[in-house]
Amino acid sequence: MNLPNSMHDLYGKYEIPDSIIKMLERQERCSDSEDIGLYILKDDDRRYMSTPIDSIPFATIGVDGIHYAFLTEFGAVEDLNKAPIICVSPMDFGLEIRYAGNNLAQFLEIYCADEALLINHFEGEEDYMRYVQQREEEERREPDEEEFRLTAEQLQESKNKMERFREDFQVRKIERSLLWNELESIRADRRSKIVLETVNGLGVLPIDKQDEGVGEKSHLRLDWQSDGGNSASNELVEAQKFVEGASLASKIGFVRDAQHYYMFQCTDWREWMTEQLVLWGYETEAKNFRLTYPDEQYKPVTDTLSTYVYLEWSSSDEDINK
C-alpha cells in the first residue's frame, strides 16, 4: 500500500506497524461491514493541548476529539509495536489522559472487548459493571421512534464486525466481567515501572539503567500552585529555576505536569519550553510541541489559567436529576 507522505511525517523515525497499515487498508476499502469505529489517521492534524508531545496519534473515534496514540517515552521506545497506548479525551478536563495498554496488541484486546471502559471515567469496578448492566438492559429493549439507538439487528451486526476484526487481527477475546481487572492489572504494571509520578498518571520511566529501581525520592517535582483542577498559577521564573537544576527524568515530569495544567497557553512559557526541548535533545518533541500550540491561536496572557470542570458517567438518580 502506498502511504501518503503526511503519514510518514506523522510517524517520523518510526516504522509504521503492520497492524496499522492493515487497518488502514480495511478503512480505505470503505466497507461498512469492516467498520469498528476506529479511524486510522494519515496526518498529524489531531493534536490537542492535552495530547502528550511525546506521542503519535494513530486513530480517532470521530467524537469529542477522542483519539488514541503511541507513547514514545520521549523517543526512548524503539519499536512502536511495543509502545504504550494512551487514550486522549480532550473534553474530559482533568482526566484527559487514560492509559490504554502496554502495547498495541493489549490495546486492541481492551478496545474490542468494550471501548466504553477507555473513553469514560468510572469510579471503580462496581460503577463500571452498573454501566454495563444498564447498557445491556437498554440493548434488549427495542428503541422508541424518537430514540437514537441501534436496533437489535444493528447491534448484532456491530458485534459481528468486531468478531471479524478479532479473527483478522488475532485479537484475544476478554469477557466484560473480567475486563476491569484486566485493565487495572495493565495500569498497575505501568505504575510499577515509573520512577516519577506525574499528575496525568503517565509518570516517567527510567531514563537509563542507573534510574531503574531508584524510585521517586531521587527525582524532584515542581510544587505546582494548583487548586486541584486543571489550573496552576506558578510564575515562569520559578519553573525556570526548577528546570535548571533538575534531572532529565524530572524535566520530563515537569513537561507532563505543565501540559496538564495548560501552562503553555502562555506565550512566554511556550517559547521558553520550545528552546528547552531542543537543548535537551528532543527535536521531535519540540516539533510536536509547535504543532500542538500554533502561535497564531494564542495571545500573550498571564501565567494564571482558568480551572476547568470535567464530566463523568453516573448512574445515580440524584446526579441525573441535578
C-alpha atoms as a PDB file:
ATOM      1  CA  MET A   1       0.000   0.000   0.000  1.00  0.00           C
ATOM      2  CA  ASN A   2       1.318   3.440  -0.933  1.00  0.00           C
ATOM      3  CA  LEU A   3       1.184   5.580   2.188  1.00  0.00           C
ATOM      4  CA  PRO A   4       0.923   9.382   1.930  1.00  0.00           C
ATOM      5  CA  ASN A   5       3.942  11.476   2.859  1.00  0.00           C
ATOM      6  CA  SER A   6       1.872  13.087   5.599  1.00  0.00           C
ATOM      7  CA  MET A   7       1.612   9.709   7.318  1.00  0.00           C
ATOM      8  CA  HIS A   8       5.366   9.171   7.161  1.00  0.00           C
ATOM      9  CA  ASP A   9       5.778  12.671   8.626  1.00  0.00           C
ATOM     10  CA  LEU A  10       3.407  11.708  11.443  1.00  0.00           C
ATOM     11  CA  TYR A  11       5.471   8.645  12.381  1.00  0.00           C
ATOM     12  CA  GLY A  12       8.836  10.319  11.885  1.00  0.00           C
ATOM     13  CA  LYS A  13      11.763   7.992  12.628  1.00  0.00           C
ATOM     14  CA  TYR A  14       9.485   5.067  13.403  1.00  0.00           C
ATOM     15  CA  GLU A  15       8.421   2.236  11.135  1.00  0.00           C
ATOM     16  CA  ILE A  16       4.641   2.169  10.866  1.00  0.00           C
ATOM     17  CA  PRO A  17       3.345  -1.049  12.488  1.00  0.00           C
ATOM     18  CA  ASP A  18       1.946  -3.633  10.089  1.00  0.00           C
ATOM     19  CA  SER A  19      -1.306  -3.746  12.057  1.00  0.00           C
ATOM     20  CA  ILE A  20      -1.840  -0.022  11.477  1.00  0.00           C
ATOM     21  CA  ILE A  21      -1.256  -0.410   7.732  1.00  0.00           C
ATOM     22  CA  LYS A  22      -3.633  -3.365   7.610  1.00  0.00           C
ATOM     23  CA  MET A  23      -6.294  -1.393   9.492  1.00  0.00           C
ATOM     24  CA  LEU A  24      -5.840   1.479   7.075  1.00  0.00           C
ATOM     25  CA  GLU A  25      -6.271  -0.863   4.114  1.00  0.00           C
ATOM     26  CA  ARG A  26      -9.580  -2.051   5.579  1.00  0.00           C
ATOM     27  CA  GLN A  27     -10.588   1.572   6.095  1.00  0.00           C
ATOM     28  CA  GLU A  28      -9.703   2.560   2.526  1.00  0.00           C
ATOM     29  CA  ARG A  29     -11.942  -0.163   1.148  1.00  0.00           C
ATOM     30  CA  CYS A  30     -14.828   1.876   2.617  1.00  0.00           C
ATOM     31  CA  SER A  31     -16.603  -1.324   3.576  1.00  0.00           C
ATOM     32  CA  ASP A  32     -19.263  -0.759   6.226  1.00  0.00           C
ATOM     33  CA  SER A  33     -19.005  -4.439   7.102  1.00  0.00           C
ATOM     34  CA  GLU A  34     -15.479  -3.798   8.437  1.00  0.00           C
ATOM     35  CA  ASP A  35     -16.141  -0.561  10.353  1.00  0.00           C
ATOM     36  CA  ILE A  36     -15.448  -0.927  14.091  1.00  0.00           C
ATOM     37  CA  GLY A  37     -15.470   2.797  14.836  1.00  0.00           C
ATOM     38  CA  LEU A  38     -11.699   3.209  14.880  1.00  0.00           C
ATOM     39  CA  TYR A  39     -10.424   5.517  12.133  1.00  0.00           C
ATOM     40  CA  ILE A  40      -6.719   5.408  11.299  1.00  0.00           C
ATOM     41  CA  LEU A  41      -5.061   8.809  10.921  1.00  0.00           C
ATOM     42  CA  LYS A  42      -2.957   9.698   7.901  1.00  0.00           C
ATOM     43  CA  ASP A  43      -1.580  13.029   9.097  1.00  0.00           C
ATOM     44  CA  ASP A  44      -0.631  14.908  12.259  1.00  0.00           C
ATOM     45  CA  ASP A  45      -3.771  17.021  12.441  1.00  0.00           C
ATOM     46  CA  ARG A  46      -5.310  15.643  15.639  1.00  0.00           C
ATOM     47  CA  ARG A  47      -3.161  17.156  18.364  1.00  0.00           C
ATOM     48  CA  TYR A  48      -4.890  18.927  21.223  1.00  0.00           C
ATOM     49  CA  MET A  49      -3.323  20.820  24.117  1.00  0.00           C
ATOM     50  CA  SER A  50      -3.758  17.653  26.193  1.00  0.00           C
ATOM     51  CA  THR A  51      -2.071  15.364  23.635  1.00  0.00           C
ATOM     52  CA  PRO A  52       1.350  14.453  25.104  1.00  0.00           C
ATOM     53  CA  ILE A  53       4.132  15.854  22.963  1.00  0.00           C
ATOM     54  CA  ASP A  54       5.954  12.506  23.059  1.00  0.00           C
ATOM     55  CA  SER A  55       3.041  10.705  21.428  1.00  0.00           C
ATOM     56  CA  ILE A  56       1.992   9.747  17.904  1.00  0.00           C
ATOM     57  CA  PRO A  57      -1.782   9.928  17.369  1.00  0.00           C
ATOM     58  CA  PHE A  58      -2.800   6.961  15.221  1.00  0.00           C
ATOM     59  CA  ALA A  59      -6.587   6.714  15.412  1.00  0.00           C
ATOM     60  CA  THR A  60      -9.717   8.629  16.323  1.00  0.00           C
ATOM     61  CA  ILE A  61     -13.294   7.634  17.071  1.00  0.00           C
ATOM     62  CA  GLY A  62     -14.646  10.823  15.472  1.00  0.00           C
ATOM     63  CA  VAL A  63     -16.339  12.129  18.637  1.00  0.00           C
ATOM     64  CA  ASP A  64     -15.283  14.915  21.057  1.00  0.00           C
ATOM     65  CA  GLY A  65     -11.720  14.876  19.737  1.00  0.00           C
ATOM     66  CA  ILE A  66     -11.064  11.490  21.380  1.00  0.00           C
ATOM     67  CA  HIS A  67      -8.032   9.820  19.868  1.00  0.00           C
ATOM     68  CA  TYR A  68      -5.535   7.064  20.563  1.00  0.00           C
ATOM     69  CA  ALA A  69      -1.792   7.492  20.424  1.00  0.00           C
ATOM     70  CA  PHE A  70       1.503   5.654  20.753  1.00  0.00           C
ATOM     71  CA  LEU A  71       3.516   6.959  23.705  1.00  0.00           C
ATOM     72  CA  THR A  72       7.186   7.102  22.694  1.00  0.00           C
ATOM     73  CA  GLU A  73       8.535   7.979  26.176  1.00  0.00           C
ATOM     74  CA  PHE A  74      10.345  10.971  24.652  1.00  0.00           C
ATOM     75  CA  GLY A  75      11.847   8.841  21.914  1.00  0.00           C
ATOM     76  CA  ALA A  76      13.085   6.027  24.180  1.00  0.00           C
ATOM     77  CA  VAL A  77      10.743   3.488  22.574  1.00  0.00           C
ATOM     78  CA  GLU A  78      12.459   1.758  19.647  1.00  0.00           C
ATOM     79  CA  ASP A  79       9.555  -0.269  18.204  1.00  0.00           C
ATOM     80  CA  LEU A  80       6.000   1.099  18.096  1.00  0.00           C
ATOM     81  CA  ASN A  81       4.639  -2.435  18.363  1.00  0.00           C
ATOM     82  CA  LYS A  82       5.976  -2.317  21.922  1.00  0.00           C
ATOM     83  CA  ALA A  83       4.979   1.280  22.666  1.00  0.00           C
ATOM     84  CA  PRO A  84       2.333   2.047  25.320  1.00  0.00           C
ATOM     85  CA  ILE A  85      -1.057   3.185  24.048  1.00  0.00           C
ATOM     86  CA  ILE A  86      -2.966   6.091  25.551  1.00  0.00           C
ATOM     87  CA  CYS A  87      -6.469   7.424  25.076  1.00  0.00           C
ATOM     88  CA  VAL A  88      -6.683  11.219  24.884  1.00  0.00           C
ATOM     89  CA  SER A  89     -10.103  12.670  25.660  1.00  0.00           C
ATOM     90  CA  PRO A  90      -9.703  16.468  25.317  1.00  0.00           C
ATOM     91  CA  MET A  91     -13.164  17.313  26.644  1.00  0.00           C
ATOM     92  CA  ASP A  92     -12.730  15.437  29.949  1.00  0.00           C
ATOM     93  CA  PHE A  93     -10.893  18.270  31.670  1.00  0.00           C
ATOM     94  CA  GLY A  94      -8.710  16.918  34.454  1.00  0.00           C
ATOM     95  CA  LEU A  95      -8.990  13.352  33.147  1.00  0.00           C
ATOM     96  CA  GLU A  96      -7.816  13.818  29.580  1.00  0.00           C
ATOM     97  CA  ILE A  97      -5.249  11.012  29.565  1.00  0.00           C
ATOM     98  CA  ARG A  98      -6.082   7.357  30.149  1.00  0.00           C
ATOM     99  CA  TYR A  99      -3.570   4.539  29.883  1.00  0.00           C
ATOM    100  CA  ALA A 100      -4.977   2.027  27.378  1.00  0.00           C
ATOM    101  CA  GLY A 101      -2.358  -0.724  27.092  1.00  0.00           C
ATOM    102  CA  ASN A 102       1.318  -1.580  27.351  1.00  0.00           C
ATOM    103  CA  ASN A 103       1.356  -2.189  23.609  1.00  0.00           C
ATOM    104  CA  LEU A 104      -0.869  -2.172  20.531  1.00  0.00           C
ATOM    105  CA  ALA A 105      -1.953  -5.800  20.967  1.00  0.00           C
ATOM    106  CA  GLN A 106      -3.152  -5.170  24.534  1.00  0.00           C
ATOM    107  CA  PHE A 107      -4.982  -2.046  23.449  1.00  0.00           C
ATOM    108  CA  LEU A 108      -6.866  -3.897  20.725  1.00  0.00           C
ATOM    109  CA  GLU A 109      -7.920  -6.544  23.254  1.00  0.00           C
ATOM    110  CA  ILE A 110      -9.429  -3.883  25.522  1.00  0.00           C
ATOM    111  CA  TYR A 111     -10.943  -1.883  22.673  1.00  0.00           C
ATOM    112  CA  CYS A 112     -12.624  -4.908  21.117  1.00  0.00           C
ATOM    113  CA  ALA A 113     -13.984  -6.019  24.491  1.00  0.00           C
ATOM    114  CA  ASP A 114     -15.522  -2.656  25.400  1.00  0.00           C
ATOM    115  CA  GLU A 115     -14.237   0.708  24.242  1.00  0.00           C
ATOM    116  CA  ALA A 116     -16.507   2.404  26.798  1.00  0.00           C
ATOM    117  CA  LEU A 117     -14.008   1.481  29.508  1.00  0.00           C
ATOM    118  CA  LEU A 118     -11.360   3.566  27.742  1.00  0.00           C
ATOM    119  CA  ILE A 119     -13.358   6.666  26.830  1.00  0.00           C
ATOM    120  CA  ASN A 120     -15.427   7.049  30.035  1.00  0.00           C
ATOM    121  CA  HIS A 121     -14.426   7.741  33.608  1.00  0.00           C
ATOM    122  CA  PHE A 122     -15.654   5.192  36.168  1.00  0.00           C
ATOM    123  CA  GLU A 123     -15.166   5.436  39.921  1.00  0.00           C
ATOM    124  CA  GLY A 124     -14.442   1.731  40.220  1.00  0.00           C
ATOM    125  CA  GLU A 125     -15.382  -1.761  39.072  1.00  0.00           C
ATOM    126  CA  GLU A 126     -18.839  -1.543  40.643  1.00  0.00           C
ATOM    127  CA  ASP A 127     -19.556   1.683  38.800  1.00  0.00           C
ATOM    128  CA  TYR A 128     -18.416   0.162  35.514  1.00  0.00           C
ATOM    129  CA  MET A 129     -20.485  -3.004  35.979  1.00  0.00           C
ATOM    130  CA  ARG A 130     -23.587  -0.885  36.717  1.00  0.00           C
ATOM    131  CA  TYR A 131     -22.954   0.873  33.427  1.00  0.00           C
ATOM    132  CA  VAL A 132     -22.585  -2.456  31.601  1.00  0.00           C
ATOM    133  CA  GLN A 133     -25.791  -3.772  33.142  1.00  0.00           C
ATOM    134  CA  GLN A 134     -27.699  -0.611  32.249  1.00  0.00           C
ATOM    135  CA  ARG A 135     -26.413  -0.716  28.693  1.00  0.00           C
ATOM    136  CA  GLU A 136     -27.305  -4.392  28.252  1.00  0.00           C
ATOM    137  CA  GLU A 137     -30.817  -3.734  29.529  1.00  0.00           C
ATOM    138  CA  GLU A 138     -31.226  -0.914  27.015  1.00  0.00           C
ATOM    139  CA  GLU A 139     -29.925  -3.130  24.224  1.00  0.00           C
ATOM    140  CA  ARG A 140     -32.574  -5.748  24.991  1.00  0.00           C
ATOM    141  CA  ARG A 141     -35.305  -3.132  24.716  1.00  0.00           C
ATOM    142  CA  GLU A 142     -36.392  -2.014  21.267  1.00  0.00           C
ATOM    143  CA  PRO A 143     -35.831   1.747  20.804  1.00  0.00           C
ATOM    144  CA  ASP A 144     -38.789   4.091  20.541  1.00  0.00           C
ATOM    145  CA  GLU A 145     -39.269   6.010  17.315  1.00  0.00           C
ATOM    146  CA  GLU A 146     -37.817   9.170  18.866  1.00  0.00           C
ATOM    147  CA  GLU A 147     -34.791   7.403  20.386  1.00  0.00           C
ATOM    148  CA  PHE A 148     -31.465   7.477  18.583  1.00  0.00           C
ATOM    149  CA  ARG A 149     -30.355   3.941  19.360  1.00  0.00           C
ATOM    150  CA  LEU A 150     -29.359   0.917  17.342  1.00  0.00           C
ATOM    151  CA  THR A 151     -31.938  -1.740  16.655  1.00  0.00           C
ATOM    152  CA  ALA A 152     -31.369  -5.356  17.709  1.00  0.00           C
ATOM    153  CA  GLU A 153     -30.299  -6.186  14.152  1.00  0.00           C
ATOM    154  CA  GLN A 154     -27.846  -3.289  14.052  1.00  0.00           C
ATOM    155  CA  LEU A 155     -26.394  -4.260  17.433  1.00  0.00           C
ATOM    156  CA  GLN A 156     -25.854  -7.824  16.264  1.00  0.00           C
ATOM    157  CA  GLU A 157     -24.162  -6.627  13.092  1.00  0.00           C
ATOM    158  CA  SER A 158     -21.891  -4.410  15.189  1.00  0.00           C
ATOM    159  CA  LYS A 159     -20.906  -7.437  17.273  1.00  0.00           C
ATOM    160  CA  ASN A 160     -20.300  -9.452  14.107  1.00  0.00           C
ATOM    161  CA  LYS A 161     -17.975  -6.725  12.786  1.00  0.00           C
ATOM    162  CA  MET A 162     -15.949  -6.876  15.979  1.00  0.00           C
ATOM    163  CA  GLU A 163     -15.712 -10.654  15.793  1.00  0.00           C
ATOM    164  CA  ARG A 164     -14.460 -10.469  12.220  1.00  0.00           C
ATOM    165  CA  PHE A 165     -11.872  -7.898  13.281  1.00  0.00           C
ATOM    166  CA  ARG A 166     -10.707 -10.166  16.120  1.00  0.00           C
ATOM    167  CA  GLU A 167     -10.277 -13.034  13.699  1.00  0.00           C
ATOM    168  CA  ASP A 168      -8.418 -10.971  11.097  1.00  0.00           C
ATOM    169  CA  PHE A 169      -6.012  -9.466  13.654  1.00  0.00           C
ATOM    170  CA  GLN A 170      -5.851 -12.456  16.015  1.00  0.00           C
ATOM    171  CA  VAL A 171      -7.067 -10.403  18.976  1.00  0.00           C
ATOM    172  CA  ARG A 172      -7.606 -12.312  22.207  1.00  0.00           C
ATOM    173  CA  LYS A 173     -11.163 -12.123  23.499  1.00  0.00           C
ATOM    174  CA  ILE A 174     -11.764 -10.822  27.023  1.00  0.00           C
ATOM    175  CA  GLU A 175     -15.134 -11.199  28.725  1.00  0.00           C
ATOM    176  CA  ARG A 176     -16.592  -7.987  30.092  1.00  0.00           C
ATOM    177  CA  SER A 177     -16.816  -9.484  33.575  1.00  0.00           C
ATOM    178  CA  LEU A 178     -13.009  -9.755  33.586  1.00  0.00           C
ATOM    179  CA  LEU A 179     -12.240  -6.568  31.699  1.00  0.00           C
ATOM    180  CA  TRP A 180     -11.962  -4.145  34.627  1.00  0.00           C
ATOM    181  CA  ASN A 181      -9.377  -6.266  36.426  1.00  0.00           C
ATOM    182  CA  GLU A 182      -7.522  -6.843  33.154  1.00  0.00           C
ATOM    183  CA  LEU A 183      -7.112  -3.119  32.526  1.00  0.00           C
ATOM    184  CA  GLU A 184      -6.285  -2.375  36.160  1.00  0.00           C
ATOM    185  CA  SER A 185      -3.541  -5.016  36.014  1.00  0.00           C
ATOM    186  CA  ILE A 186      -2.119  -3.352  32.900  1.00  0.00           C
ATOM    187  CA  ARG A 187      -2.155   0.058  34.575  1.00  0.00           C
ATOM    188  CA  ALA A 188      -0.616  -1.338  37.776  1.00  0.00           C
ATOM    189  CA  ASP A 189       2.210  -2.770  35.691  1.00  0.00           C
ATOM    190  CA  ARG A 190       2.833   0.690  34.262  1.00  0.00           C
ATOM    191  CA  ARG A 191       2.849   2.287  37.717  1.00  0.00           C
ATOM    192  CA  SER A 192       5.356  -0.283  38.976  1.00  0.00           C
ATOM    193  CA  LYS A 193       7.897   0.815  36.362  1.00  0.00           C
ATOM    194  CA  ILE A 194       7.846   4.599  36.784  1.00  0.00           C
ATOM    195  CA  VAL A 195      10.496   6.493  38.737  1.00  0.00           C
ATOM    196  CA  LEU A 196       8.494   9.702  38.967  1.00  0.00           C
ATOM    197  CA  GLU A 197       4.757  10.269  39.159  1.00  0.00           C
ATOM    198  CA  THR A 198       3.001  12.936  37.119  1.00  0.00           C
ATOM    199  CA  VAL A 199      -0.417  14.461  37.554  1.00  0.00           C
ATOM    200  CA  ASN A 200      -1.745  12.959  34.294  1.00  0.00           C
ATOM    201  CA  GLY A 201      -0.971   9.461  35.566  1.00  0.00           C
ATOM    202  CA  LEU A 202       1.600   8.542  32.919  1.00  0.00           C
ATOM    203  CA  GLY A 203       4.633   9.121  35.075  1.00  0.00           C
ATOM    204  CA  VAL A 204       8.224   8.932  33.863  1.00  0.00           C
ATOM    205  CA  LEU A 205      10.065   5.693  33.133  1.00  0.00           C
ATOM    206  CA  PRO A 206      13.777   5.227  33.931  1.00  0.00           C
ATOM    207  CA  ILE A 207      15.872   7.320  31.566  1.00  0.00           C
ATOM    208  CA  ASP A 208      18.821   4.917  31.760  1.00  0.00           C
ATOM    209  CA  LYS A 209      19.959   1.855  33.684  1.00  0.00           C
ATOM    210  CA  GLN A 210      21.006   3.984  36.633  1.00  0.00           C
ATOM    211  CA  ASP A 211      17.406   5.072  37.149  1.00  0.00           C
ATOM    212  CA  GLU A 212      15.928   1.576  37.351  1.00  0.00           C
ATOM    213  CA  GLY A 213      14.672   0.796  40.828  1.00  0.00           C
ATOM    214  CA  VAL A 214      15.772   4.176  42.143  1.00  0.00           C
ATOM    215  CA  GLY A 215      12.272   5.409  42.937  1.00  0.00           C
ATOM    216  CA  GLU A 216      10.681   8.835  43.129  1.00  0.00           C
ATOM    217  CA  LYS A 217      12.821  10.146  46.009  1.00  0.00           C
ATOM    218  CA  SER A 218      15.797  10.518  43.674  1.00  0.00           C
ATOM    219  CA  HIS A 219      13.856  12.842  41.365  1.00  0.00           C
ATOM    220  CA  LEU A 220      12.106  16.083  42.230  1.00  0.00           C
ATOM    221  CA  ARG A 221       8.807  17.586  41.117  1.00  0.00           C
ATOM    222  CA  LEU A 222       7.898  21.240  40.993  1.00  0.00           C
ATOM    223  CA  ASP A 223       5.470  22.234  43.739  1.00  0.00           C
ATOM    224  CA  TRP A 224       2.597  23.269  41.480  1.00  0.00           C
ATOM    225  CA  GLN A 225       0.374  26.009  42.906  1.00  0.00           C
ATOM    226  CA  SER A 226      -2.823  24.233  41.887  1.00  0.00           C
ATOM    227  CA  ASP A 227      -6.356  24.174  43.229  1.00  0.00           C
ATOM    228  CA  GLY A 228      -6.636  20.503  42.317  1.00  0.00           C
ATOM    229  CA  GLY A 229      -8.185  21.066  38.892  1.00  0.00           C
ATOM    230  CA  ASN A 230      -6.556  21.968  35.600  1.00  0.00           C
ATOM    231  CA  SER A 231      -5.311  25.286  36.936  1.00  0.00           C
ATOM    232  CA  ALA A 232      -1.924  26.382  38.245  1.00  0.00           C
ATOM    233  CA  SER A 233      -0.513  29.816  38.992  1.00  0.00           C
ATOM    234  CA  ASN A 234       3.234  29.242  39.083  1.00  0.00           C
ATOM    235  CA  GLU A 235       5.454  32.004  37.749  1.00  0.00           C
ATOM    236  CA  LEU A 236       7.716  31.266  34.791  1.00  0.00           C
ATOM    237  CA  VAL A 237      10.836  32.281  36.704  1.00  0.00           C
ATOM    238  CA  GLU A 238      10.016  29.664  39.323  1.00  0.00           C
ATOM    239  CA  ALA A 239       9.723  26.989  36.642  1.00  0.00           C
ATOM    240  CA  GLN A 240      12.982  28.071  35.012  1.00  0.00           C
ATOM    241  CA  LYS A 241      14.821  27.835  38.315  1.00  0.00           C
ATOM    242  CA  PHE A 242      13.439  24.342  38.917  1.00  0.00           C
ATOM    243  CA  VAL A 243      14.352  23.042  35.475  1.00  0.00           C
ATOM    244  CA  GLU A 244      17.876  24.449  35.659  1.00  0.00           C
ATOM    245  CA  GLY A 245      18.823  22.073  38.469  1.00  0.00           C
ATOM    246  CA  ALA A 246      16.536  19.137  37.641  1.00  0.00           C
ATOM    247  CA  SER A 247      17.455  15.648  36.468  1.00  0.00           C
ATOM    248  CA  LEU A 248      16.343  14.644  32.975  1.00  0.00           C
ATOM    249  CA  ALA A 249      13.558  12.495  34.447  1.00  0.00           C
ATOM    250  CA  SER A 250      12.384  15.479  36.490  1.00  0.00           C
ATOM    251  CA  LYS A 251      12.423  17.667  33.393  1.00  0.00           C
ATOM    252  CA  ILE A 252      10.228  15.188  31.531  1.00  0.00           C
ATOM    253  CA  GLY A 253       7.908  15.007  34.524  1.00  0.00           C
ATOM    254  CA  PHE A 254       7.779  18.788  34.559  1.00  0.00           C
ATOM    255  CA  VAL A 255       6.702  18.870  30.900  1.00  0.00           C
ATOM    256  CA  ARG A 256       3.922  16.352  31.545  1.00  0.00           C
ATOM    257  CA  ASP A 257       2.650  18.340  34.548  1.00  0.00           C
ATOM    258  CA  ALA A 258       2.905  21.731  32.841  1.00  0.00           C
ATOM    259  CA  GLN A 259       0.965  20.423  29.850  1.00  0.00           C
ATOM    260  CA  HIS A 260      -1.720  19.051  32.175  1.00  0.00           C
ATOM    261  CA  TYR A 261      -2.091  22.473  33.802  1.00  0.00           C
ATOM    262  CA  TYR A 262      -2.265  24.224  30.396  1.00  0.00           C
ATOM    263  CA  MET A 263       0.687  26.425  31.304  1.00  0.00           C
ATOM    264  CA  PHE A 264       1.799  26.530  27.675  1.00  0.00           C
ATOM    265  CA  GLN A 265      -1.149  28.685  26.690  1.00  0.00           C
ATOM    266  CA  CYS A 266       1.111  31.489  27.868  1.00  0.00           C
ATOM    267  CA  THR A 267       3.364  32.728  25.082  1.00  0.00           C
ATOM    268  CA  ASP A 268       6.407  33.181  27.327  1.00  0.00           C
ATOM    269  CA  TRP A 269       6.091  29.643  28.695  1.00  0.00           C
ATOM    270  CA  ARG A 270       5.666  28.268  25.191  1.00  0.00           C
ATOM    271  CA  GLU A 271       8.694  29.999  23.702  1.00  0.00           C
ATOM    272  CA  TRP A 272      10.878  29.007  26.648  1.00  0.00           C
ATOM    273  CA  MET A 273       9.792  25.347  26.525  1.00  0.00           C
ATOM    274  CA  THR A 274      10.449  25.085  22.777  1.00  0.00           C
ATOM    275  CA  GLU A 275      14.034  26.205  23.393  1.00  0.00           C
ATOM    276  CA  GLN A 276      14.452  23.823  26.330  1.00  0.00           C
ATOM    277  CA  LEU A 277      13.257  20.770  24.411  1.00  0.00           C
ATOM    278  CA  VAL A 278      15.830  21.407  21.693  1.00  0.00           C
ATOM    279  CA  LEU A 279      18.575  21.916  24.295  1.00  0.00           C
ATOM    280  CA  TRP A 280      17.668  18.594  25.922  1.00  0.00           C
ATOM    281  CA  GLY A 281      17.974  16.863  22.545  1.00  0.00           C
ATOM    282  CA  TYR A 282      14.249  16.371  21.943  1.00  0.00           C
ATOM    283  CA  GLU A 283      13.889  17.878  18.470  1.00  0.00           C
ATOM    284  CA  THR A 284      10.945  15.610  17.557  1.00  0.00           C
ATOM    285  CA  GLU A 285       9.080  16.563  20.724  1.00  0.00           C
ATOM    286  CA  ALA A 286       9.822  20.239  20.024  1.00  0.00           C
ATOM    287  CA  LYS A 287       8.255  19.816  16.577  1.00  0.00           C
ATOM    288  CA  ASN A 288       5.205  18.126  18.117  1.00  0.00           C
ATOM    289  CA  PHE A 289       5.053  20.911  20.682  1.00  0.00           C
ATOM    290  CA  ARG A 290       4.857  23.538  17.941  1.00  0.00           C
ATOM    291  CA  LEU A 291       2.088  21.558  16.208  1.00  0.00           C
ATOM    292  CA  THR A 292       0.190  21.365  19.495  1.00  0.00           C
ATOM    293  CA  TYR A 293       0.477  25.093  20.177  1.00  0.00           C
ATOM    294  CA  PRO A 294       0.366  27.026  16.881  1.00  0.00           C
ATOM    295  CA  ASP A 295       1.366  30.586  17.769  1.00  0.00           C
ATOM    296  CA  GLU A 296      -1.437  32.206  15.796  1.00  0.00           C
ATOM    297  CA  GLN A 297      -4.052  30.559  18.033  1.00  0.00           C
ATOM    298  CA  TYR A 298      -2.806  32.129  21.264  1.00  0.00           C
ATOM    299  CA  LYS A 299      -2.218  35.570  22.625  1.00  0.00           C
ATOM    300  CA  PRO A 300       0.217  36.638  25.352  1.00  0.00           C
ATOM    301  CA  VAL A 301      -1.678  36.074  28.590  1.00  0.00           C
ATOM    302  CA  THR A 302      -0.919  35.888  32.291  1.00  0.00           C
ATOM    303  CA  ASP A 303       0.580  32.772  33.833  1.00  0.00           C
ATOM    304  CA  THR A 304      -2.602  32.128  35.802  1.00  0.00           C
ATOM    305  CA  LEU A 305      -5.034  29.873  33.996  1.00  0.00           C
ATOM    306  CA  SER A 306      -8.672  29.020  34.448  1.00  0.00           C
ATOM    307  CA  THR A 307      -9.999  25.992  36.269  1.00  0.00           C
ATOM    308  CA  TYR A 308     -11.991  23.564  34.150  1.00  0.00           C
ATOM    309  CA  VAL A 309     -14.768  21.152  35.008  1.00  0.00           C
ATOM    310  CA  TYR A 310     -14.816  17.542  33.851  1.00  0.00           C
ATOM    311  CA  LEU A 311     -17.797  15.301  33.180  1.00  0.00           C
ATOM    312  CA  GLU A 312     -18.134  11.703  34.220  1.00  0.00           C
ATOM    313  CA  TRP A 313     -20.709   8.979  33.724  1.00  0.00           C
ATOM    314  CA  SER A 314     -23.048   8.410  36.630  1.00  0.00           C
ATOM    315  CA  SER A 315     -25.978   6.072  37.101  1.00  0.00           C
ATOM    316  CA  SER A 316     -27.378   7.592  40.292  1.00  0.00           C
ATOM    317  CA  ASP A 317     -30.837   9.161  40.216  1.00  0.00           C
ATOM    318  CA  GLU A 318     -29.551  12.032  42.324  1.00  0.00           C
ATOM    319  CA  ASP A 319     -26.994  13.038  39.692  1.00  0.00           C
ATOM    320  CA  ILE A 320     -29.488  12.597  36.850  1.00  0.00           C
ATOM    321  CA  ASN A 321     -31.949  14.963  38.483  1.00  0.00           C
ATOM    322  CA  LYS A 322     -29.411  17.718  39.146  1.00  0.00           C
END
